[in-house]
Amino acid sequence: MAGPDLALARLHQASKSYGKVRALDGVDLKLRGGELLALLGPNGAGKTTAIGLFLGLLRADGGTVELFGQDPQDIAARRHIGVMLQDAQLPATLRVGELIRLASSYYPAPRSVQESADLAGVADLLKRPYGKLSGGQQRRVQFALALCGRPKLLFLDEPTVGMDIEARGKLWAAIRHLVAEGNGVVLTTHYLEEAEALADRVCVMAKGRIISEGSVDALRARVAMKRVRCHTQLPEDIIRAWPGVVEIAHEGDRLCISTEHAEDVVRRLLALDADLRGLEVRAAGLAEAFTELTRDDSVAALQEAA
């Protein structure tokens, strides 16, 4: 099994521009075996460009790009990757089993059609024409095509878009299975709870640079925001006026207060509401951390410190 420190692919001081737009600005990034890396960032952050370099679809203007120690455009290296892009155009008239069999034929030692279908949860769709499937079913078929060649490194771009909760859970289980086998997985997603549930490492990009990299817990620890949840009789307008209160929301019959001064908020709640109950304080989730880190002033400060 590949160790978590094994670099399957890497960018070193990679840069890429489109005219006057600097899409990547000296990025260093390693993709490792036995690990899922969530690559996050707002639109235009450089995620798609970074993945394009790894896949050999783009050439870097500067720096180096390696895929299994080789040029990403080398066919010998590309045989070890699987790709599930956000947009896929597949022949609508071919049956699912035919599509998997066709994709498998491009690899030297692929999984069987049945194994690929079982892993992706499409075994019941093998005889169905691709064009007759729902959007979520088509995404699961695309996942089967991405893993059929036994890739050591799998790139998943928004893999669960269009899936229902049950299908998403099955795909998460399949991804965890592949990582446990020692494969590397790169995930881009706008569902931050997906990254929080799956990622061993999170890399946040903004304006062509990496502004934060580490575990989910390490990323959350960089943000002072906390959530205070409780049942309280105090009017929202009073709480909203307290120093440090950023946002108030309802979660069922509980009030959720987002604040950078959780201790002060808790003291005020206890002092002013004798019937306070269900008090709970939590650190920021990945969503709050991501929002805070990618604010324009935060990005500027992090880049100046780099």
Protein backbone atom coordinates (compact mmCIF):
# COMPACT_ATOMS: atom_id res chain seq x y z
CA MET A 1 0.00 0.00 0.00
CA ALA A 2 1.30 3.43 -0.85
CA GLY A 3 2.30 5.52 2.12
CA PRO A 4 0.77 8.90 2.84
CA ASP A 5 4.10 10.66 2.20
CA LEU A 6 4.58 9.19 -1.28
CA ALA A 7 4.32 11.97 -3.86
CA LEU A 8 2.42 10.60 -6.85
CA ALA A 9 2.44 13.99 -8.55
CA ARG A 10 3.69 17.47 -7.79
CA LEU A 11 3.81 21.09 -8.83
CA HIS A 12 6.95 23.04 -7.97
CA GLN A 13 6.82 26.82 -8.36
CA ALA A 14 4.31 26.27 -11.14
CA SER A 15 2.99 29.36 -12.90
CA LYS A 16 0.48 29.84 -15.68
CA SER A 17 -0.96 32.96 -17.27
CA TYR A 18 -3.73 33.62 -19.76
CA GLY A 19 -2.77 36.91 -21.32
CA LYS A 20 -2.50 39.39 -18.44
CA VAL A 21 -4.34 37.09 -16.01
CA ARG A 22 -2.05 35.16 -13.64
CA ALA A 23 -3.96 31.91 -13.08
CA LEU A 24 -1.17 30.24 -11.06
CA ASP A 25 1.56 32.12 -9.27
CA GLY A 26 4.43 29.92 -8.06
CA VAL A 27 2.35 27.05 -6.66
CA ASP A 28 3.92 24.13 -4.77
CA LEU A 29 1.61 21.13 -4.33
CA LYS A 30 2.12 17.40 -3.78
CA LEU A 31 -0.44 14.65 -4.35
CA ARG A 32 0.14 11.60 -2.16
CA GLY A 33 -0.94 8.00 -2.07
CA GLY A 34 -3.41 6.85 0.56
CA GLU A 35 -4.77 10.36 0.96
CA LEU A 36 -7.70 12.43 -0.23
CA LEU A 37 -6.82 16.04 -0.97
CA ALA A 38 -9.70 18.49 -1.21
CA LEU A 39 -8.75 21.37 -3.48
CA LEU A 40 -10.97 24.32 -2.59
CA GLY A 41 -11.26 27.91 -3.68
CA PRO A 42 -13.64 30.47 -5.15
CA ASN A 43 -14.19 30.69 -8.90
CA GLY A 44 -11.00 31.87 -10.61
CA ALA A 45 -8.77 30.68 -7.75
CA GLY A 46 -6.62 28.48 -10.02
CA LYS A 47 -8.00 25.02 -9.15
CA THR A 48 -8.93 24.08 -12.72
CA THR A 49 -5.59 25.30 -14.04
CA ALA A 50 -3.67 23.28 -11.43
CA ILE A 51 -5.59 20.12 -12.34
CA GLY A 52 -5.12 20.85 -16.05
CA LEU A 53 -1.35 20.88 -15.47
CA PHE A 54 -1.45 17.54 -13.62
CA LEU A 55 -3.52 15.97 -16.39
CA GLY A 56 -1.22 17.23 -19.12
CA LEU A 57 -4.02 19.28 -20.67
CA LEU A 58 -2.02 22.49 -20.09
CA ARG A 59 1.64 23.42 -20.09
CA ALA A 60 3.11 25.51 -17.29
CA ASP A 61 4.79 28.80 -18.21
CA GLY A 62 7.29 28.28 -15.41
CA GLY A 63 8.23 25.76 -12.72
CA THR A 64 7.95 22.00 -12.98
CA VAL A 65 5.05 19.55 -13.16
CA GLU A 66 5.49 15.83 -12.54
CA LEU A 67 3.08 12.92 -12.76
CA PHE A 68 4.59 9.74 -11.30
CA GLY A 69 7.97 11.35 -11.87
CA GLN A 70 7.29 11.85 -15.57
CA ASP A 71 5.93 14.45 -17.95
CA PRO A 72 2.13 14.54 -17.47
CA GLN A 73 1.72 14.21 -21.25
CA ASP A 74 3.61 10.88 -21.23
CA ILE A 75 1.12 8.10 -21.94
CA ALA A 76 2.93 5.79 -19.49
CA ALA A 77 2.13 8.21 -16.65
CA ARG A 78 -1.42 8.92 -17.75
CA ARG A 79 -2.32 5.22 -17.66
CA HIS A 80 -2.20 5.46 -13.86
CA ILE A 81 -4.79 8.21 -13.46
CA GLY A 82 -8.57 8.29 -13.53
CA VAL A 83 -10.57 11.44 -14.20
CA MET A 84 -14.14 12.46 -13.54
CA LEU A 85 -14.68 15.94 -14.91
CA GLN A 86 -17.67 18.14 -14.19
CA ASP A 87 -18.82 18.07 -17.82
CA ALA A 88 -18.68 14.80 -19.75
CA GLN A 89 -20.01 14.14 -23.24
CA LEU A 90 -20.59 10.40 -23.68
CA PRO A 91 -22.43 8.54 -26.49
CA ALA A 92 -26.07 8.54 -25.45
CA THR A 93 -26.95 5.35 -27.33
CA LEU A 94 -24.29 3.11 -25.77
CA ARG A 95 -25.33 0.99 -22.83
CA VAL A 96 -23.60 1.48 -19.49
CA GLY A 97 -21.85 -1.89 -19.70
CA GLU A 98 -20.58 -1.04 -23.18
CA LEU A 99 -19.20 2.30 -21.97
CA ILE A 100 -17.33 0.68 -19.09
CA ARG A 101 -15.97 -2.05 -21.36
CA LEU A 102 -14.80 0.55 -23.88
CA ALA A 103 -13.07 2.68 -21.24
CA SER A 104 -11.46 -0.40 -19.69
CA SER A 105 -9.91 -1.34 -23.02
CA TYR A 106 -7.59 1.67 -22.81
CA TYR A 107 -5.79 0.30 -19.72
CA PRO A 108 -3.32 -2.60 -19.38
CA ALA A 109 -4.88 -4.20 -16.28
CA PRO A 110 -8.38 -2.81 -15.76
CA ARG A 111 -11.04 -3.87 -13.30
CA SER A 112 -13.73 -6.13 -14.68
CA VAL A 113 -16.92 -4.46 -15.83
CA GLN A 114 -18.78 -5.99 -12.90
CA GLU A 115 -16.22 -4.82 -10.31
CA SER A 116 -16.25 -1.28 -11.68
CA ALA A 117 -20.05 -1.26 -11.73
CA ASP A 118 -20.29 -2.60 -8.18
CA LEU A 119 -17.85 -0.01 -6.82
CA ALA A 120 -19.70 2.84 -8.52
CA GLY A 121 -23.15 1.52 -7.65
CA VAL A 122 -24.33 1.09 -11.25
CA ALA A 123 -24.58 -2.69 -11.47
CA ASP A 124 -28.33 -2.40 -12.00
CA LEU A 125 -27.82 0.00 -14.91
CA LEU A 126 -25.45 -2.04 -17.11
CA LYS A 127 -28.04 -2.72 -19.80
CA ARG A 128 -29.50 0.79 -19.81
CA PRO A 129 -28.59 3.33 -22.56
CA TYR A 130 -26.55 6.14 -21.08
CA GLY A 131 -28.80 8.81 -22.58
CA LYS A 132 -31.84 7.38 -20.77
CA LEU A 133 -30.33 7.85 -17.31
CA SER A 134 -30.99 10.64 -14.84
CA GLY A 135 -28.27 13.21 -14.15
CA GLY A 136 -27.30 11.54 -10.89
CA GLN A 137 -27.13 8.11 -12.54
CA GLN A 138 -24.93 9.51 -15.30
CA ARG A 139 -22.54 10.90 -12.67
CA ARG A 140 -22.26 7.44 -11.10
CA VAL A 141 -21.49 5.95 -14.52
CA GLN A 142 -18.79 8.59 -15.04
CA PHE A 143 -17.32 7.55 -11.68
CA ALA A 144 -17.24 3.94 -12.88
CA LEU A 145 -15.33 5.03 -16.00
CA ALA A 146 -12.85 6.97 -13.86
CA LEU A 147 -11.98 4.00 -11.65
CA CYS A 148 -12.15 1.15 -14.18
CA GLY A 149 -8.44 1.35 -15.04
CA ARG A 150 -7.29 0.82 -11.41
CA PRO A 151 -5.86 4.34 -11.17
CA LYS A 152 -3.26 5.13 -8.55
CA LEU A 153 -4.40 8.76 -8.68
CA LEU A 154 -8.02 9.79 -9.16
CA PHE A 155 -9.22 13.31 -10.00
CA LEU A 156 -12.84 13.99 -9.08
CA ASP A 157 -14.34 17.32 -10.14
CA GLU A 158 -17.67 18.00 -8.37
CA PRO A 159 -18.43 14.24 -8.37
CA THR A 160 -21.75 14.27 -6.49
CA VAL A 161 -23.56 17.05 -8.37
CA GLY A 162 -27.08 15.84 -9.18
CA MET A 163 -26.98 12.88 -6.80
CA ASP A 164 -29.54 12.20 -4.08
CA ILE A 165 -28.45 11.66 -0.48
CA GLU A 166 -28.35 7.86 -0.76
CA ALA A 167 -26.28 7.86 -3.96
CA ARG A 168 -23.92 10.46 -2.49
CA GLY A 169 -23.36 8.31 0.59
CA LYS A 170 -22.54 5.26 -1.56
CA LEU A 171 -20.08 7.27 -3.63
CA TRP A 172 -18.41 8.56 -0.45
CA ALA A 173 -18.03 4.95 0.72
CA ALA A 174 -16.45 3.97 -2.62
CA ILE A 175 -14.02 6.90 -2.44
CA ARG A 176 -12.99 5.91 1.09
CA HIS A 177 -12.43 2.35 -0.16
CA LEU A 178 -10.10 3.56 -2.92
CA VAL A 179 -8.12 5.73 -0.48
CA ALA A 180 -7.83 2.83 1.98
CA GLU A 181 -6.28 0.77 -0.83
CA GLY A 182 -3.47 3.34 -1.02
CA ASN A 183 -4.67 5.36 -3.97
CA GLY A 184 -4.51 9.15 -4.07
CA VAL A 185 -7.68 11.14 -4.67
CA VAL A 186 -8.00 14.82 -5.57
CA LEU A 187 -11.46 16.24 -4.93
CA THR A 188 -12.85 19.59 -6.00
CA THR A 189 -16.29 20.37 -4.63
CA HIS A 190 -18.58 23.24 -3.72
CA TYR A 191 -20.18 21.02 -1.06
CA LEU A 192 -17.91 21.90 1.84
CA GLU A 193 -19.53 19.26 4.05
CA GLU A 194 -18.28 16.74 1.47
CA ALA A 195 -14.71 17.94 1.85
CA GLU A 196 -15.10 17.98 5.63
CA ALA A 197 -16.33 14.38 5.61
CA LEU A 198 -13.74 12.93 3.22
CA ALA A 199 -10.55 14.99 3.19
CA ASP A 200 -7.30 14.02 4.88
CA ARG A 201 -5.82 17.28 3.69
CA VAL A 202 -7.39 20.52 2.48
CA CYS A 203 -5.71 23.00 0.16
CA VAL A 204 -7.39 26.39 -0.18
CA MET A 205 -6.50 28.47 -3.24
CA ALA A 206 -7.23 32.09 -4.05
CA LYS A 207 -5.93 34.39 -6.78
CA GLY A 208 -3.57 31.76 -8.16
CA ARG A 209 -1.84 30.93 -4.89
CA ILE A 210 -2.22 28.45 -2.04
CA ILE A 211 -3.32 30.40 1.03
CA SER A 212 -3.85 27.50 3.43
CA GLU A 213 -2.95 23.81 3.49
CA GLY A 214 -3.41 21.18 6.19
CA SER A 215 -5.98 18.99 7.88
CA VAL A 216 -9.59 20.09 8.30
CA ASP A 217 -8.96 20.63 12.02
CA ALA A 218 -5.87 22.73 11.31
CA LEU A 219 -7.80 24.86 8.85
CA ARG A 220 -10.64 25.45 11.30
CA ALA A 221 -8.15 26.35 14.02
CA ARG A 222 -6.96 29.32 11.96
CA VAL A 223 -10.36 30.97 12.24
CA ALA A 224 -11.56 32.64 15.43
CA MET A 225 -15.26 32.26 14.59
CA LYS A 226 -17.30 29.98 16.85
CA ARG A 227 -20.95 28.95 16.99
CA VAL A 228 -23.00 29.24 20.16
CA ARG A 229 -26.21 27.20 20.09
CA CYS A 230 -28.92 27.39 22.74
CA HIS A 231 -32.60 27.67 23.64
CA THR A 232 -33.13 31.22 24.86
CA GLN A 233 -36.02 33.58 25.50
CA LEU A 234 -33.94 36.67 24.75
CA PRO A 235 -35.05 38.71 21.72
CA GLU A 236 -32.84 38.32 18.68
CA ASP A 237 -32.45 42.09 18.32
CA ILE A 238 -30.77 42.30 21.73
CA ILE A 239 -28.34 39.48 20.95
CA ARG A 240 -27.58 40.83 17.48
CA ALA A 241 -26.42 44.13 19.04
CA TRP A 242 -23.81 42.46 21.28
CA PRO A 243 -20.14 43.08 20.35
CA GLY A 244 -18.63 40.33 18.19
CA VAL A 245 -21.93 38.80 17.03
CA VAL A 246 -21.61 38.24 13.28
CA GLU A 247 -24.73 36.27 12.40
CA ILE A 248 -27.82 34.73 13.99
CA ALA A 249 -29.69 31.79 12.50
CA HIS A 250 -32.27 29.20 13.57
CA GLU A 251 -31.55 25.48 13.65
CA GLY A 252 -34.90 23.95 14.45
CA ASP A 253 -35.99 25.51 17.73
CA ARG A 254 -32.43 26.47 18.70
CA LEU A 255 -30.71 29.76 18.11
CA CYS A 256 -27.27 29.64 16.47
CA ILE A 257 -25.02 32.64 17.12
CA SER A 258 -21.84 33.05 15.06
CA THR A 259 -19.29 35.10 16.94
CA GLU A 260 -15.58 35.76 17.42
CA HIS A 261 -16.16 36.37 21.16
CA ALA A 262 -17.90 33.19 22.28
CA GLU A 263 -16.92 33.56 25.94
CA ASP A 264 -18.47 37.03 26.19
CA VAL A 265 -21.64 35.88 24.45
CA VAL A 266 -22.00 32.91 26.80
CA ARG A 267 -21.53 35.15 29.86
CA ARG A 268 -24.25 37.52 28.64
CA LEU A 269 -26.64 34.66 27.90
CA LEU A 270 -26.17 33.14 31.36
CA ALA A 271 -26.55 36.52 33.07
CA LEU A 272 -29.68 37.62 31.21
CA ASP A 273 -31.63 34.39 30.70
CA ALA A 274 -32.35 32.32 33.80
CA ASP A 275 -34.17 29.75 31.64
CA LEU A 276 -31.27 29.23 29.21
CA ARG A 277 -30.82 25.60 28.21
CA GLY A 278 -29.14 23.41 25.62
CA LEU A 279 -26.05 25.62 25.57
CA GLU A 280 -23.36 24.40 23.19
CA VAL A 281 -20.20 26.05 21.81
CA ARG A 282 -18.44 24.75 18.71
CA ALA A 283 -15.44 25.82 16.71
CA ALA A 284 -15.97 27.03 13.16
CA GLY A 285 -16.87 24.44 10.58
CA LEU A 286 -15.00 24.13 7.31
CA ALA A 287 -17.59 26.36 5.62
CA GLU A 288 -16.93 29.24 8.03
CA ALA A 289 -13.17 28.73 7.81
CA PHE A 290 -13.28 28.73 4.02
CA THR A 291 -15.39 31.89 3.92
CA GLU A 292 -13.10 33.69 6.35
CA LEU A 293 -9.86 32.63 4.63
CA THR A 294 -11.02 33.61 1.15
CA ARG A 295 -12.23 37.09 2.06
CA ASP A 296 -10.27 39.59 -0.04
CA ASP A 297 -8.52 41.20 2.94
CA SER A 298 -7.63 37.82 4.43
CA VAL A 299 -6.17 36.65 1.13
CA ALA A 300 -4.11 39.82 0.80
CA ALA A 301 -2.70 39.46 4.32
CA LEU A 302 -1.81 35.79 3.82
CA GLN A 303 -0.11 36.49 0.50
CA GLU A 304 1.94 39.34 1.99
CA ALA A 305 3.07 37.03 4.78
CA ALA A 306 4.06 34.25 2.36
